[in-house]
Amino acid sequence: MHIYTIAEASQKLSNLTEEPLKGEEIIIMKGNKPAVKLTPVFPVKIRPKSGSAKGIVTMADDFDEH
């Protein structure tokens, strides 16, 4: 998640629109409070990174035995 003030967001708006398309959440603050959340119109499909399930998924010792 990235947080920007309104002033920062107005200067970087064209770049900020790319981040939600990559799965990043953008919050724009007004004063000390969150005012706007940038999200893509259509859901973004993020491919899992190789090795992201390491330690979670295991294979049985006899997995490839017939």
Protein backbone atom coordinates (compact mmCIF):
# COMPACT_ATOMS: atom_id res chain seq x y z
CA MET A 1 0.00 0.00 0.00
CA HIS A 2 1.26 3.44 -0.92
CA ILE A 3 0.01 6.61 0.76
CA TYR A 4 0.14 10.08 -0.80
CA THR A 5 -1.09 13.54 0.13
CA ILE A 6 -3.39 15.33 -2.31
CA ALA A 7 -0.48 17.55 -3.41
CA GLU A 8 1.76 14.54 -4.06
CA ALA A 9 -1.00 12.69 -5.89
CA SER A 10 -1.78 15.64 -8.16
CA GLN A 11 1.88 15.83 -9.22
CA LYS A 12 2.14 12.06 -9.82
CA LEU A 13 -1.36 11.22 -11.07
CA SER A 14 -0.31 9.71 -14.40
CA ASN A 15 2.15 7.41 -12.60
CA LEU A 16 -0.28 6.58 -9.78
CA THR A 17 -2.76 5.10 -12.21
CA GLU A 18 -0.25 2.37 -13.11
CA GLU A 19 0.24 1.07 -9.56
CA PRO A 20 -3.30 -0.28 -8.98
CA LEU A 21 -3.07 -2.09 -12.32
CA LYS A 22 -0.13 -4.00 -10.85
CA GLY A 23 -2.06 -4.89 -7.70
CA GLU A 24 -0.81 -2.06 -5.47
CA GLU A 25 -3.27 -0.16 -3.28
CA ILE A 26 -3.09 3.65 -3.40
CA ILE A 27 -4.52 5.82 -0.62
CA ILE A 28 -4.75 9.59 -0.96
CA MET A 29 -4.89 11.52 2.30
CA LYS A 30 -6.76 14.77 2.94
CA GLY A 31 -5.16 16.23 6.00
CA ASN A 32 -4.55 13.33 8.36
CA LYS A 33 -7.43 11.20 7.11
CA PRO A 34 -7.69 8.79 4.18
CA ALA A 35 -9.93 10.37 1.54
CA VAL A 36 -9.57 8.33 -1.65
CA LYS A 37 -8.55 4.80 -2.56
CA LEU A 38 -7.41 4.13 -6.13
CA THR A 39 -8.41 0.73 -7.47
CA PRO A 40 -8.72 -0.67 -10.98
CA VAL A 41 -12.18 -0.77 -12.57
CA PHE A 42 -11.75 -4.44 -13.45
CA PRO A 43 -10.13 -6.97 -11.10
CA VAL A 44 -6.42 -7.47 -11.66
CA LYS A 45 -5.21 -11.03 -12.01
CA ILE A 46 -1.88 -11.29 -10.24
CA ARG A 47 0.18 -14.35 -11.06
CA PRO A 48 1.63 -16.07 -8.02
CA LYS A 49 5.39 -15.77 -7.70
CA SER A 50 7.47 -18.90 -8.02
CA GLY A 51 8.12 -20.37 -4.59
CA SER A 52 5.35 -18.37 -2.90
CA ALA A 53 3.83 -21.56 -1.41
CA LYS A 54 7.14 -22.89 -0.10
CA GLY A 55 6.57 -24.51 3.27
CA ILE A 56 2.79 -24.51 2.76
CA VAL A 57 2.36 -27.10 0.01
CA THR A 58 3.95 -30.53 0.36
CA MET A 59 3.93 -33.67 -1.74
CA ALA A 60 3.55 -37.14 -0.33
CA ASP A 61 6.60 -39.39 -0.60
CA ASP A 62 4.63 -41.81 -2.79
CA PHE A 63 3.24 -39.10 -5.11
CA ASP A 64 4.72 -40.51 -8.32
CA GLU A 65 4.37 -44.21 -7.55
CA HIS A 66 1.89 -46.24 -9.61
